[in-house]
Amino acid sequence: MQKIFDSPIRALDGLIFDGMFIAAGGFGLCGIPELLIDAIREAGTKDLTIASNNCGVDDFGLGVLLKTKQIRKMISSYVGENAEFMRQYLSGELELEFNPQGTLAERMRAGGAGIAGFYTKTGVGTVVAEGKELKTFNGETYVLETGIVADLSIVKAWKADTTGNLIFRKTARNFNPPAATCGKICVAEVEEIVPAGSLDADQIHLPGVYVHRLVQGKHQKRIEQRTTRAAA
């Protein structure tokens, strides 16, 4: 089966459709599958439900799909610095399901592992638990969260071999691996593709069995926040 494609648009060919559910990797501005997101924007695919830690910023990452009104619902942890995300949510244009970061990552991991749901204490007594089943274990209340299974996963890795084994760098490892496993199909964009057998097996973060298509490209290196400190 061909895994390597020469452009993001070709890598997504036949996989995207209106109303679909996408799991997207990335944490802040780190590890965002920016090339695949741009390809979805160009395709005009709409009414999307997207599970991702956040929604990028106004002009980068998933923020570009907000700008074009292609996203119907976000399953997310963090509104953050995206003014359009906040505006659409507050105006009722965008449906938002808040999930704590750990819960969202575990929902993705559970979906990829074939686990239908799990109980967690996180979110009990807050809006996160509204409408969800509660259960008591050893005198403590837990809320039932369901595993996420998406139509498509889009992720960004540092390096891949030709069979799809992936290595992520630093913070990009937070959400990309669980996002990759929970999609029925996973497309990964990478900075470098090396021959099979070139990667140290102990350094591989995601086995190629989870990755169906690969595309190599050049990526922006964005800094999410800059802090300054006055001299003493």
Protein backbone atom coordinates (compact mmCIF):
# COMPACT_ATOMS: atom_id res chain seq x y z
CA MET A 1 0.00 0.00 0.00
CA GLN A 2 1.35 3.42 -0.98
CA LYS A 3 2.00 5.55 2.09
CA ILE A 4 4.03 8.48 0.78
CA PHE A 5 2.27 11.26 -1.14
CA ASP A 6 3.84 14.27 -2.82
CA SER A 7 1.41 16.90 -1.53
CA PRO A 8 -1.05 17.39 1.35
CA ILE A 9 -3.96 17.64 -1.09
CA ARG A 10 -3.10 14.26 -2.62
CA ALA A 11 -2.56 12.77 0.83
CA LEU A 12 -6.16 13.68 1.72
CA ASP A 13 -7.66 12.66 -1.61
CA GLY A 14 -10.80 10.57 -1.09
CA LEU A 15 -10.69 10.94 2.71
CA ILE A 16 -12.47 14.22 3.44
CA PHE A 17 -16.18 15.01 3.22
CA ASP A 18 -18.67 17.50 4.61
CA GLY A 19 -19.86 16.79 8.14
CA MET A 20 -16.92 14.57 9.04
CA PHE A 21 -15.22 14.18 12.44
CA ILE A 22 -11.49 14.95 12.55
CA ALA A 23 -8.99 14.43 15.38
CA ALA A 24 -6.12 16.90 15.05
CA GLY A 25 -2.79 16.82 16.85
CA GLY A 26 -0.94 19.80 18.24
CA PHE A 27 -0.46 21.59 21.53
CA GLY A 28 -0.58 25.38 21.48
CA LEU A 29 1.38 26.21 18.32
CA CYS A 30 3.59 23.13 18.64
CA GLY A 31 3.12 20.08 16.44
CA ILE A 32 0.20 21.47 14.43
CA PRO A 33 -0.54 19.60 11.14
CA GLU A 34 -0.56 22.95 9.36
CA LEU A 35 -0.10 21.64 5.81
CA LEU A 36 -3.03 19.23 6.06
CA ILE A 37 -5.19 21.93 7.65
CA ASP A 38 -4.41 24.26 4.74
CA ALA A 39 -5.33 21.48 2.31
CA ILE A 40 -8.71 21.04 4.05
CA ARG A 41 -9.24 24.79 3.78
CA GLU A 42 -8.48 24.69 0.06
CA ALA A 43 -10.85 21.75 -0.42
CA GLY A 44 -13.67 23.74 1.21
CA THR A 45 -14.80 20.81 3.35
CA LYS A 46 -17.42 22.16 5.77
CA ASP A 47 -19.60 21.35 8.81
CA LEU A 48 -16.58 19.79 10.48
CA THR A 49 -16.41 18.49 14.04
CA ILE A 50 -12.82 18.68 15.24
CA ALA A 51 -11.29 17.28 18.42
CA SER A 52 -8.09 19.12 19.28
CA ASN A 53 -6.51 20.62 22.39
CA ASN A 54 -7.04 24.13 21.02
CA CYS A 55 -7.92 25.85 17.76
CA GLY A 56 -4.63 27.46 16.82
CA VAL A 57 -4.60 31.24 16.49
CA ASP A 58 -6.47 33.55 14.16
CA ASP A 59 -4.16 33.08 11.16
CA PHE A 60 -2.54 29.72 11.83
CA GLY A 61 -3.49 26.12 12.47
CA LEU A 62 -7.16 25.31 12.89
CA GLY A 63 -7.81 29.04 13.17
CA VAL A 64 -7.77 29.27 9.36
CA LEU A 65 -10.74 26.86 9.22
CA LEU A 66 -12.62 28.99 11.75
CA LYS A 67 -12.01 32.02 9.60
CA THR A 68 -13.62 30.31 6.60
CA LYS A 69 -16.52 28.98 8.73
CA GLN A 70 -15.69 25.36 7.90
CA ILE A 71 -15.88 24.16 11.54
CA ARG A 72 -19.28 23.47 13.08
CA LYS A 73 -18.12 22.07 16.44
CA MET A 74 -14.92 21.97 18.47
CA ILE A 75 -14.13 19.40 21.17
CA SER A 76 -11.37 21.27 22.93
CA SER A 77 -9.62 22.19 26.17
CA TYR A 78 -8.43 25.69 25.54
CA VAL A 79 -9.88 28.73 23.77
CA GLY A 80 -6.64 30.57 24.43
CA GLU A 81 -5.42 33.41 22.24
CA ASN A 82 -7.77 32.83 19.31
CA ALA A 83 -10.08 35.85 19.19
CA GLU A 84 -12.21 34.40 16.38
CA PHE A 85 -12.70 31.16 18.34
CA MET A 86 -13.97 33.16 21.29
CA ARG A 87 -16.16 35.39 19.11
CA GLN A 88 -17.85 32.51 17.29
CA TYR A 89 -18.45 30.61 20.53
CA LEU A 90 -19.93 33.58 22.38
CA SER A 91 -22.13 34.52 19.40
CA GLY A 92 -23.50 30.97 19.09
CA GLU A 93 -21.96 30.40 15.65
CA LEU A 94 -19.72 27.60 16.90
CA GLU A 95 -20.63 24.64 19.09
CA LEU A 96 -18.02 23.92 21.76
CA GLU A 97 -17.61 20.88 23.99
CA PHE A 98 -15.08 21.67 26.69
CA ASN A 99 -12.83 18.81 27.87
CA PRO A 100 -10.00 19.05 30.40
CA GLN A 101 -6.68 18.41 28.65
CA GLY A 102 -5.96 15.08 30.34
CA THR A 103 -9.50 13.87 29.73
CA LEU A 104 -9.34 14.80 26.04
CA ALA A 105 -6.01 13.04 25.57
CA GLU A 106 -7.37 9.95 27.35
CA ARG A 107 -10.57 10.00 25.28
CA MET A 108 -8.42 9.87 22.15
CA ARG A 109 -6.18 7.16 23.57
CA ALA A 110 -9.21 5.13 24.67
CA GLY A 111 -10.82 5.38 21.24
CA GLY A 112 -7.62 4.18 19.62
CA ALA A 113 -7.38 1.28 22.05
CA GLY A 114 -10.97 0.14 21.49
CA ILE A 115 -12.13 1.31 24.93
CA ALA A 116 -15.71 2.62 24.77
CA GLY A 117 -15.49 4.78 27.90
CA PHE A 118 -13.89 5.37 31.28
CA TYR A 119 -14.67 7.05 34.60
CA THR A 120 -12.68 10.01 35.88
CA LYS A 121 -12.96 12.43 38.82
CA THR A 122 -11.87 15.35 36.65
CA GLY A 123 -14.77 17.66 35.91
CA VAL A 124 -17.18 16.33 38.54
CA GLY A 125 -19.34 19.16 39.85
CA THR A 126 -18.63 21.41 36.84
CA VAL A 127 -20.23 22.07 33.45
CA VAL A 128 -17.94 19.36 32.06
CA ALA A 129 -20.07 16.72 33.80
CA GLU A 130 -23.47 18.09 32.81
CA GLY A 131 -25.63 15.46 31.10
CA LYS A 132 -23.09 12.69 31.70
CA GLU A 133 -23.42 9.57 33.81
CA LEU A 134 -22.02 9.77 37.34
CA LYS A 135 -20.97 6.79 39.41
CA THR A 136 -19.58 6.33 42.91
CA PHE A 137 -16.46 4.26 43.57
CA ASN A 138 -15.14 3.94 47.13
CA GLY A 139 -17.17 6.93 48.20
CA GLU A 140 -15.89 9.20 45.41
CA THR A 141 -17.94 10.46 42.47
CA TYR A 142 -16.69 9.90 38.94
CA VAL A 143 -18.01 11.02 35.54
CA LEU A 144 -18.24 8.74 32.51
CA GLU A 145 -16.30 9.95 29.47
CA THR A 146 -16.51 8.21 26.11
CA GLY A 147 -13.64 7.25 23.85
CA ILE A 148 -13.19 9.29 20.68
CA VAL A 149 -13.22 7.57 17.30
CA ALA A 150 -12.80 10.02 14.43
CA ASP A 151 -13.29 9.61 10.70
CA LEU A 152 -9.80 10.99 10.15
CA SER A 153 -6.71 11.84 12.20
CA ILE A 154 -4.30 14.53 11.04
CA VAL A 155 -0.99 14.79 12.89
CA LYS A 156 2.45 16.35 12.57
CA ALA A 157 5.67 14.46 13.39
CA TRP A 158 9.34 15.33 13.19
CA LYS A 159 10.59 12.24 11.39
CA ALA A 160 9.13 9.14 9.74
CA ASP A 161 10.46 6.13 7.92
CA THR A 162 8.87 4.85 4.73
CA THR A 163 6.67 2.40 6.64
CA GLY A 164 5.10 5.20 8.70
CA ASN A 165 6.90 4.79 12.02
CA LEU A 166 6.91 8.25 13.64
CA ILE A 167 9.10 10.24 16.00
CA PHE A 168 7.72 13.41 17.61
CA ARG A 169 9.76 16.19 19.18
CA LYS A 170 9.16 17.49 22.69
CA THR A 171 5.70 19.06 23.26
CA ALA A 172 4.44 17.78 19.90
CA ARG A 173 4.28 14.40 21.60
CA ASN A 174 1.46 15.50 23.95
CA PHE A 175 -1.57 15.15 21.68
CA ASN A 176 -0.27 13.88 18.35
CA PRO A 177 0.18 10.19 19.32
CA PRO A 178 -3.28 9.71 20.89
CA ALA A 179 -4.89 11.75 18.10
CA ALA A 180 -3.20 9.54 15.52
CA THR A 181 -4.51 6.32 17.02
CA CYS A 182 -8.17 7.34 17.31
CA GLY A 183 -8.85 7.98 13.64
CA LYS A 184 -10.18 5.34 11.27
CA ILE A 185 -7.55 6.73 8.87
CA CYS A 186 -4.43 8.64 9.93
CA VAL A 187 -2.52 11.05 7.71
CA ALA A 188 0.78 12.37 9.06
CA GLU A 189 2.83 15.30 7.81
CA VAL A 190 6.52 15.17 8.68
CA GLU A 191 9.68 17.20 8.31
CA GLU A 192 11.79 14.27 7.13
CA ILE A 193 11.26 10.77 5.73
CA VAL A 194 14.10 8.25 6.02
CA PRO A 195 14.47 4.69 4.69
CA ALA A 196 12.87 1.81 6.58
CA GLY A 197 15.21 0.49 9.26
CA SER A 198 16.95 3.86 9.75
CA LEU A 199 15.16 4.71 12.99
CA ASP A 200 16.23 3.32 16.34
CA ALA A 201 13.30 1.11 17.36
CA ASP A 202 13.55 2.33 20.95
CA GLN A 203 13.04 5.93 19.78
CA ILE A 204 9.84 5.35 17.79
CA HIS A 205 6.83 6.97 19.45
CA LEU A 206 4.11 5.68 17.12
CA PRO A 207 4.26 2.44 15.11
CA GLY A 208 3.59 2.69 11.40
CA VAL A 209 0.59 0.37 11.69
CA TYR A 210 -1.42 3.42 12.82
CA VAL A 211 -0.30 5.63 9.93
CA HIS A 212 -1.96 5.20 6.54
CA ARG A 213 -0.52 8.13 4.57
CA LEU A 214 2.56 10.36 4.83
CA VAL A 215 3.50 13.70 3.32
CA GLN A 216 6.74 15.61 3.78
CA GLY A 217 6.88 19.40 3.80
CA LYS A 218 8.34 22.59 5.19
CA HIS A 219 6.81 23.92 8.40
CA GLN A 220 6.69 27.22 10.23
CA LYS A 221 8.44 27.45 13.58
CA ARG A 222 6.06 29.61 15.60
CA ILE A 223 6.42 30.76 19.20
CA GLU A 224 3.10 30.88 21.05
CA GLN A 225 4.02 33.39 23.72
CA ARG A 226 6.93 35.64 24.46
CA THR A 227 7.65 36.75 28.02
CA THR A 228 9.90 39.56 29.18
CA ARG A 229 11.50 40.31 32.51
CA ALA A 230 12.66 43.70 33.72
CA ALA A 231 16.30 43.99 34.66
CA ALA A 232 17.05 43.99 38.37
